[in-house]
Amino acid sequence: MKAGYALLGVIILVLTAWLGAGVLGWHTLFGIVFPYLAVFAFLAGLVYRVLRWGSSPVPFHIPAVGGQQKSLPWIRDSRVESPSGSAGVLARLALELLTFRSLLRNERVELKRGEKLVYGGRKYLWLGALAFHWALFVILFRHLRLVTEPVPSPVLFVQGLDGFFRLALPTLFVTDVVILGALGFIVLRRVFQPQVRYISLVSDYFAVLLLLAVAVSGILMRLYFRVDAAAVKELAISLITFRPAVPEGVGFPFYIHLFLAGALVACFPFTKLVHGAGILFSPTRNLKNDSRMKRHANPWDHPVKTHTYTEWEDEFREPMKKAGLPVEKE
């Protein structure tokens, strides 16, 4: 049911864009107003989330590590898995953001040999996540050709590398196939794996299905529903230069793709899709594991009235002597 509600929401978005831009001809609304509103919602939501994360108290020093902490000189420490310095923390964050290293461990829990609990990783989940994120990055990088004139040579190089198969005309990009396969895997895993399905919310299904709808609409727009690429580029450049103008001949498939992408951008800060930025603010990832070298006190602790042993002994010295108990001061 949760997946059904999410799918219904995506279908409503597609029908809304088709009705508004394709039937009623509201090109200005779907080509100018909605994209600007989506970007505003994205920036405002992202700033709100970052401020919330930055202002959240971190009372305890809780880095989650997977290696030996630095201690004695003759004990070899893990400088990345259990960093004691800033360089190790930066390397750890970079590996997490670029290779999703934490997905390689402690994702699977099984009982083996009776009651022995064994933790392990799922390589196919790591591979699917890696394929999706890097394919998405390459696709977004290729889209820079729509907002630049002349097109930078790195963009042309990546585009040529991505379409090196050239099995058809227009070119079939490798990242198009990869992102469809990765998103299909993520959807099927969320639907058919009981543990994941149990904890999934409607918003989780909606985010993944919306990503899939954006990818499918973009691929169909380029391979089947042909649109005027020059008009699309003219519209894109007019939007980023804040001189918006809707050219003729764009075609309603582009407005559907743009509306779905705008909906994804607008809801991005308010869903779990923003986890990439959240990693940078996670105290389990961005703290040094130096608790053996430095005492970390909770700055939010209320002041506590202490009573030291010296004060206690001064108060009870005579009764202690009479009872035959040793004292530090006579």
Protein backbone atom coordinates (compact mmCIF):
# COMPACT_ATOMS: atom_id res chain seq x y z
CA MET A 1 0.00 0.00 0.00
CA LYS A 2 2.81 2.42 0.82
CA ALA A 3 4.41 1.85 -2.57
CA GLY A 4 1.01 2.22 -4.21
CA TYR A 5 0.38 5.59 -2.59
CA ALA A 6 3.83 6.78 -3.67
CA LEU A 7 3.27 5.57 -7.24
CA LEU A 8 -0.08 7.34 -7.31
CA GLY A 9 1.60 10.57 -6.22
CA VAL A 10 4.15 10.32 -9.05
CA ILE A 11 1.40 9.60 -11.59
CA ILE A 12 -0.51 12.67 -10.38
CA LEU A 13 2.60 14.80 -10.91
CA VAL A 14 2.99 13.46 -14.46
CA LEU A 15 -0.67 14.07 -15.28
CA THR A 16 -0.50 17.57 -13.77
CA ALA A 17 2.43 18.51 -16.00
CA TRP A 18 0.81 16.94 -19.06
CA LEU A 19 -2.51 18.69 -18.45
CA GLY A 20 -0.98 22.06 -17.63
CA ALA A 21 1.74 22.25 -20.28
CA GLY A 22 0.46 19.87 -22.94
CA VAL A 23 -3.28 20.55 -22.91
CA LEU A 24 -3.79 23.99 -21.36
CA GLY A 25 -0.55 25.47 -22.67
CA TRP A 26 0.65 26.97 -19.37
CA HIS A 27 4.24 27.04 -20.55
CA THR A 28 5.24 30.08 -18.49
CA LEU A 29 3.95 28.46 -15.31
CA PHE A 30 5.70 25.14 -15.89
CA GLY A 31 8.78 26.54 -17.61
CA ILE A 32 9.55 29.56 -15.41
CA VAL A 33 7.47 29.84 -12.24
CA PHE A 34 7.71 26.26 -11.01
CA PRO A 35 11.49 25.93 -11.60
CA TYR A 36 12.19 29.11 -9.64
CA LEU A 37 9.88 27.98 -6.82
CA ALA A 38 11.60 24.59 -6.74
CA VAL A 39 15.07 26.13 -6.48
CA PHE A 40 13.88 28.51 -3.75
CA ALA A 41 12.36 25.62 -1.78
CA PHE A 42 15.58 23.63 -2.21
CA LEU A 43 17.85 26.43 -0.99
CA ALA A 44 15.57 27.45 1.88
CA GLY A 45 15.09 23.85 2.99
CA LEU A 46 18.79 23.05 2.76
CA VAL A 47 19.75 26.13 4.79
CA TYR A 48 17.12 25.19 7.37
CA ARG A 49 18.42 21.63 7.67
CA VAL A 50 22.05 22.74 7.90
CA LEU A 51 21.22 25.29 10.61
CA ARG A 52 19.27 22.63 12.52
CA TRP A 53 22.16 20.18 12.27
CA GLY A 54 24.73 22.79 13.19
CA SER A 55 22.81 23.93 16.26
CA SER A 56 22.08 20.42 17.56
CA PRO A 57 23.95 19.74 20.81
CA VAL A 58 26.57 17.00 20.81
CA PRO A 59 26.96 16.25 24.53
CA PHE A 60 29.04 13.11 24.08
CA HIS A 61 32.15 12.27 22.08
CA ILE A 62 30.74 9.40 20.01
CA PRO A 63 32.76 8.69 16.86
CA ALA A 64 31.78 5.32 15.39
CA VAL A 65 35.05 3.63 14.47
CA GLY A 66 36.12 0.37 12.92
CA GLY A 67 39.82 0.25 13.74
CA GLN A 68 42.46 0.43 16.47
CA GLN A 69 42.55 3.69 18.42
CA LYS A 70 45.86 5.52 18.80
CA SER A 71 47.38 4.71 22.18
CA LEU A 72 50.87 3.31 22.86
CA PRO A 73 53.65 3.90 20.32
CA TRP A 74 54.21 0.19 19.71
CA ILE A 75 50.53 -0.46 18.91
CA ARG A 76 49.69 0.22 15.28
CA ASP A 77 46.62 2.43 14.97
CA SER A 78 44.18 2.83 12.09
CA ARG A 79 44.53 6.42 10.94
CA VAL A 80 41.45 6.35 8.70
CA GLU A 81 39.11 3.90 10.41
CA SER A 82 39.89 5.35 13.86
CA PRO A 83 41.30 8.82 13.14
CA SER A 84 43.07 10.73 15.88
CA GLY A 85 43.77 13.82 13.76
CA SER A 86 41.99 16.13 11.35
CA ALA A 87 43.65 14.58 8.28
CA GLY A 88 42.27 11.17 9.19
CA VAL A 89 38.78 12.60 9.72
CA LEU A 90 38.87 14.29 6.31
CA ALA A 91 40.09 11.09 4.65
CA ARG A 92 37.35 9.12 6.37
CA LEU A 93 34.64 11.57 5.27
CA ALA A 94 36.00 11.56 1.72
CA LEU A 95 35.90 7.76 1.56
CA GLU A 96 32.37 7.77 2.96
CA LEU A 97 31.13 10.33 0.45
CA LEU A 98 32.93 8.92 -2.58
CA THR A 99 32.87 5.15 -1.96
CA PHE A 100 30.10 4.62 0.68
CA ARG A 101 32.51 2.60 2.79
CA SER A 102 30.11 2.04 5.70
CA LEU A 103 27.80 0.01 3.44
CA LEU A 104 30.47 -2.67 3.26
CA ARG A 105 30.00 -3.68 6.89
CA ASN A 106 27.31 -4.36 9.50
CA GLU A 107 24.37 -4.29 7.09
CA ARG A 108 23.52 -7.99 7.50
CA VAL A 109 22.96 -9.77 10.81
CA GLU A 110 22.60 -13.56 10.90
CA LEU A 111 22.51 -16.34 13.47
CA LYS A 112 25.06 -19.02 12.67
CA ARG A 113 26.15 -22.19 14.46
CA GLY A 114 23.36 -22.13 16.95
CA GLU A 115 23.13 -18.78 18.70
CA LYS A 116 26.24 -17.07 17.35
CA LEU A 117 25.41 -13.60 16.03
CA VAL A 118 27.41 -12.70 12.93
CA TYR A 119 27.55 -9.25 11.33
CA GLY A 120 28.42 -8.77 7.68
CA GLY A 121 27.99 -6.58 4.66
CA ARG A 122 25.98 -6.79 1.47
CA LYS A 123 28.23 -6.17 -1.49
CA TYR A 124 25.36 -5.87 -3.96
CA LEU A 125 23.76 -3.06 -1.92
CA TRP A 126 27.08 -1.21 -1.88
CA LEU A 127 27.50 -1.77 -5.62
CA GLY A 128 23.96 -0.59 -6.39
CA ALA A 129 24.34 2.55 -4.30
CA LEU A 130 27.73 3.30 -5.84
CA ALA A 131 26.42 2.79 -9.37
CA PHE A 132 23.39 5.00 -8.81
CA HIS A 133 25.20 7.93 -7.21
CA TRP A 134 28.07 8.03 -9.67
CA ALA A 135 25.73 7.62 -12.65
CA LEU A 136 23.62 10.48 -11.31
CA PHE A 137 26.72 12.63 -10.90
CA VAL A 138 27.81 12.00 -14.50
CA ILE A 139 24.31 12.73 -15.81
CA LEU A 140 24.15 16.02 -13.91
CA PHE A 141 27.63 16.89 -15.18
CA ARG A 142 26.49 16.19 -18.75
CA HIS A 143 23.54 18.54 -18.22
CA LEU A 144 26.01 21.43 -17.92
CA ARG A 145 26.01 21.56 -21.71
CA LEU A 146 22.49 22.99 -21.50
CA VAL A 147 23.51 26.02 -19.43
CA THR A 148 26.91 26.85 -20.93
CA GLU A 149 27.91 28.38 -24.26
CA PRO A 150 30.40 27.39 -25.47
CA VAL A 151 30.24 23.97 -23.84
CA PRO A 152 33.38 23.31 -21.71
CA SER A 153 35.71 20.66 -23.07
CA PRO A 154 35.51 18.48 -19.88
CA VAL A 155 31.74 18.22 -20.39
CA LEU A 156 32.20 17.18 -24.02
CA PHE A 157 34.86 14.67 -22.99
CA VAL A 158 32.64 13.06 -20.33
CA GLN A 159 29.70 13.01 -22.73
CA GLY A 160 31.79 11.29 -25.39
CA LEU A 161 33.15 8.81 -22.86
CA ASP A 162 29.66 8.09 -21.54
CA GLY A 163 28.32 7.40 -25.04
CA PHE A 164 31.29 5.48 -26.41
CA PHE A 165 29.13 2.48 -27.40
CA ARG A 166 27.17 4.50 -29.99
CA LEU A 167 24.80 1.61 -30.62
CA ALA A 168 22.07 3.87 -31.94
CA LEU A 169 21.28 7.40 -32.96
CA PRO A 170 20.69 9.30 -30.70
CA THR A 171 23.52 7.86 -28.61
CA LEU A 172 22.66 5.44 -25.83
CA PHE A 173 24.57 6.63 -22.78
CA VAL A 174 26.01 4.07 -20.37
CA THR A 175 24.88 6.06 -17.34
CA ASP A 176 21.27 5.94 -18.57
CA VAL A 177 21.33 2.15 -18.44
CA VAL A 178 23.22 2.10 -15.14
CA ILE A 179 20.89 4.51 -13.33
CA LEU A 180 17.79 2.62 -14.49
CA GLY A 181 19.26 -0.67 -13.29
CA ALA A 182 20.39 0.80 -9.97
CA LEU A 183 17.04 2.48 -9.27
CA GLY A 184 15.20 -0.69 -10.26
CA PHE A 185 17.34 -2.65 -7.81
CA ILE A 186 16.66 -0.12 -5.02
CA VAL A 187 12.90 -0.24 -5.65
CA LEU A 188 12.79 -4.04 -5.75
CA ARG A 189 14.89 -4.31 -2.60
CA ARG A 190 12.56 -1.96 -0.75
CA VAL A 191 9.48 -3.85 -1.96
CA PHE A 192 10.58 -7.48 -1.60
CA GLN A 193 13.01 -7.47 1.34
CA PRO A 194 10.82 -7.84 4.47
CA GLN A 195 13.13 -5.98 6.87
CA VAL A 196 13.45 -2.97 4.57
CA ARG A 197 9.76 -3.01 3.63
CA TYR A 198 8.76 -3.01 7.31
CA ILE A 199 10.63 0.22 8.11
CA SER A 200 9.89 2.00 4.81
CA LEU A 201 7.61 5.02 4.75
CA VAL A 202 5.52 6.41 1.92
CA SER A 203 8.06 9.22 1.53
CA ASP A 204 10.83 6.64 1.01
CA TYR A 205 8.98 5.01 -1.87
CA PHE A 206 7.97 8.39 -3.28
CA ALA A 207 11.54 9.68 -3.40
CA VAL A 208 12.86 6.60 -5.22
CA LEU A 209 9.93 6.43 -7.65
CA LEU A 210 10.23 10.15 -8.37
CA LEU A 211 13.92 9.67 -9.16
CA LEU A 212 12.98 6.83 -11.48
CA ALA A 213 10.31 8.96 -13.15
CA VAL A 214 12.79 11.78 -13.75
CA ALA A 215 15.29 9.36 -15.28
CA VAL A 216 12.71 7.61 -17.47
CA SER A 217 11.18 10.88 -18.69
CA GLY A 218 14.60 12.26 -19.57
CA ILE A 219 15.62 9.13 -21.48
CA LEU A 220 12.31 8.94 -23.36
CA MET A 221 12.50 12.64 -24.17
CA ARG A 222 15.88 12.15 -25.80
CA LEU A 223 15.33 8.79 -27.51
CA TYR A 224 11.64 8.77 -28.43
CA PHE A 225 9.71 12.00 -27.73
CA ARG A 226 12.07 14.29 -29.59
CA VAL A 227 12.23 17.92 -28.43
CA ASP A 228 14.02 20.97 -29.79
CA ALA A 229 17.39 20.86 -27.99
CA ALA A 230 18.23 24.42 -29.06
CA ALA A 231 14.98 25.72 -27.56
CA VAL A 232 15.60 23.78 -24.35
CA LYS A 233 19.08 25.28 -24.06
CA GLU A 234 17.71 28.76 -24.72
CA LEU A 235 15.18 28.31 -21.92
CA ALA A 236 17.81 26.92 -19.51
CA ILE A 237 20.22 29.79 -20.12
CA SER A 238 17.43 32.34 -19.73
CA LEU A 239 16.54 30.83 -16.35
CA ILE A 240 20.05 30.86 -14.89
CA THR A 241 20.71 34.40 -16.16
CA PHE A 242 17.44 35.62 -14.57
CA ARG A 243 16.06 36.75 -17.93
CA PRO A 244 13.37 34.07 -18.26
CA ALA A 245 11.70 33.62 -21.61
CA VAL A 246 9.85 30.61 -22.97
CA PRO A 247 10.86 29.87 -26.59
CA GLU A 248 8.57 28.22 -29.09
CA GLY A 249 8.75 24.55 -29.90
CA VAL A 250 10.05 23.14 -26.62
CA GLY A 251 7.43 20.40 -26.44
CA PHE A 252 5.37 19.14 -23.51
CA PRO A 253 7.62 16.08 -22.80
CA PHE A 254 10.30 18.51 -21.67
CA TYR A 255 7.87 20.28 -19.35
CA ILE A 256 6.93 16.93 -17.79
CA HIS A 257 10.61 16.15 -17.23
CA LEU A 258 11.29 19.64 -15.88
CA PHE A 259 8.28 19.53 -13.55
CA LEU A 260 9.28 16.13 -12.15
CA ALA A 261 12.87 17.31 -11.67
CA GLY A 262 11.59 20.47 -9.97
CA ALA A 263 9.40 18.42 -7.63
CA LEU A 264 12.42 16.26 -6.77
CA VAL A 265 14.60 19.31 -6.11
CA ALA A 266 11.91 20.98 -3.99
CA CYS A 267 11.35 17.95 -1.74
CA PHE A 268 15.04 17.02 -1.56
CA PRO A 269 15.86 18.82 1.74
CA PHE A 270 12.76 17.44 3.45
CA THR A 271 13.34 13.75 2.71
CA LYS A 272 16.04 11.18 3.36
CA LEU A 273 17.64 12.14 0.05
CA VAL A 274 19.57 14.82 1.94
CA HIS A 275 21.58 12.15 3.77
CA GLY A 276 24.68 13.06 1.75
CA ALA A 277 24.93 16.47 3.40
CA GLY A 278 23.92 15.00 6.75
CA ILE A 279 27.02 12.78 6.82
CA LEU A 280 29.19 15.87 7.17
CA PHE A 281 27.30 16.88 10.32
CA SER A 282 27.12 13.42 11.91
CA PRO A 283 29.12 13.26 15.18
CA THR A 284 29.75 9.58 14.54
CA ARG A 285 31.72 10.53 11.42
CA ASN A 286 33.19 14.02 11.87
CA LEU A 287 34.84 13.65 15.30
CA LYS A 288 38.38 12.54 16.09
CA ASN A 289 38.75 9.41 18.19
CA ASP A 290 41.13 10.95 20.73
CA SER A 291 39.35 10.14 23.98
CA ARG A 292 42.54 8.54 25.38
CA MET A 293 44.52 11.73 24.77
CA LYS A 294 41.95 14.37 25.63
CA ARG A 295 39.13 14.58 28.15
CA HIS A 296 35.84 15.62 26.57
CA ALA A 297 33.43 17.32 28.96
CA ASN A 298 29.79 17.90 28.15
CA PRO A 299 29.43 21.69 27.74
CA TRP A 300 25.69 21.41 28.35
CA ASP A 301 26.07 19.82 31.80
CA HIS A 302 24.45 21.75 34.64
CA PRO A 303 26.90 22.97 37.30
CA VAL A 304 27.15 20.35 40.02
CA LYS A 305 28.22 21.11 43.59
CA THR A 306 31.09 18.76 44.34
CA HIS A 307 32.40 17.43 47.65
CA THR A 308 35.97 16.21 47.28
CA TYR A 309 37.61 13.53 49.38
CA THR A 310 39.84 16.12 51.04
CA GLU A 311 36.78 18.07 52.14
CA TRP A 312 35.07 14.87 53.26
CA GLU A 313 38.12 13.83 55.30
CA ASP A 314 38.34 17.26 56.93
CA GLU A 315 34.73 16.83 57.98
CA PHE A 316 35.06 13.29 59.39
CA ARG A 317 38.76 13.08 60.38
CA GLU A 318 38.21 12.67 64.12
CA PRO A 319 35.52 9.96 63.82
CA MET A 320 37.77 8.15 61.32
CA LYS A 321 40.70 8.21 63.74
CA LYS A 322 38.53 6.88 66.56
CA ALA A 323 37.34 4.09 64.29
CA GLY A 324 40.92 3.22 63.34
CA LEU A 325 40.54 4.18 59.70
CA PRO A 326 43.60 5.56 57.86
CA VAL A 327 43.62 9.26 57.01
CA GLU A 328 45.82 11.23 54.64
CA LYS A 329 46.27 14.17 57.00
CA GLU A 330 46.83 13.98 60.75
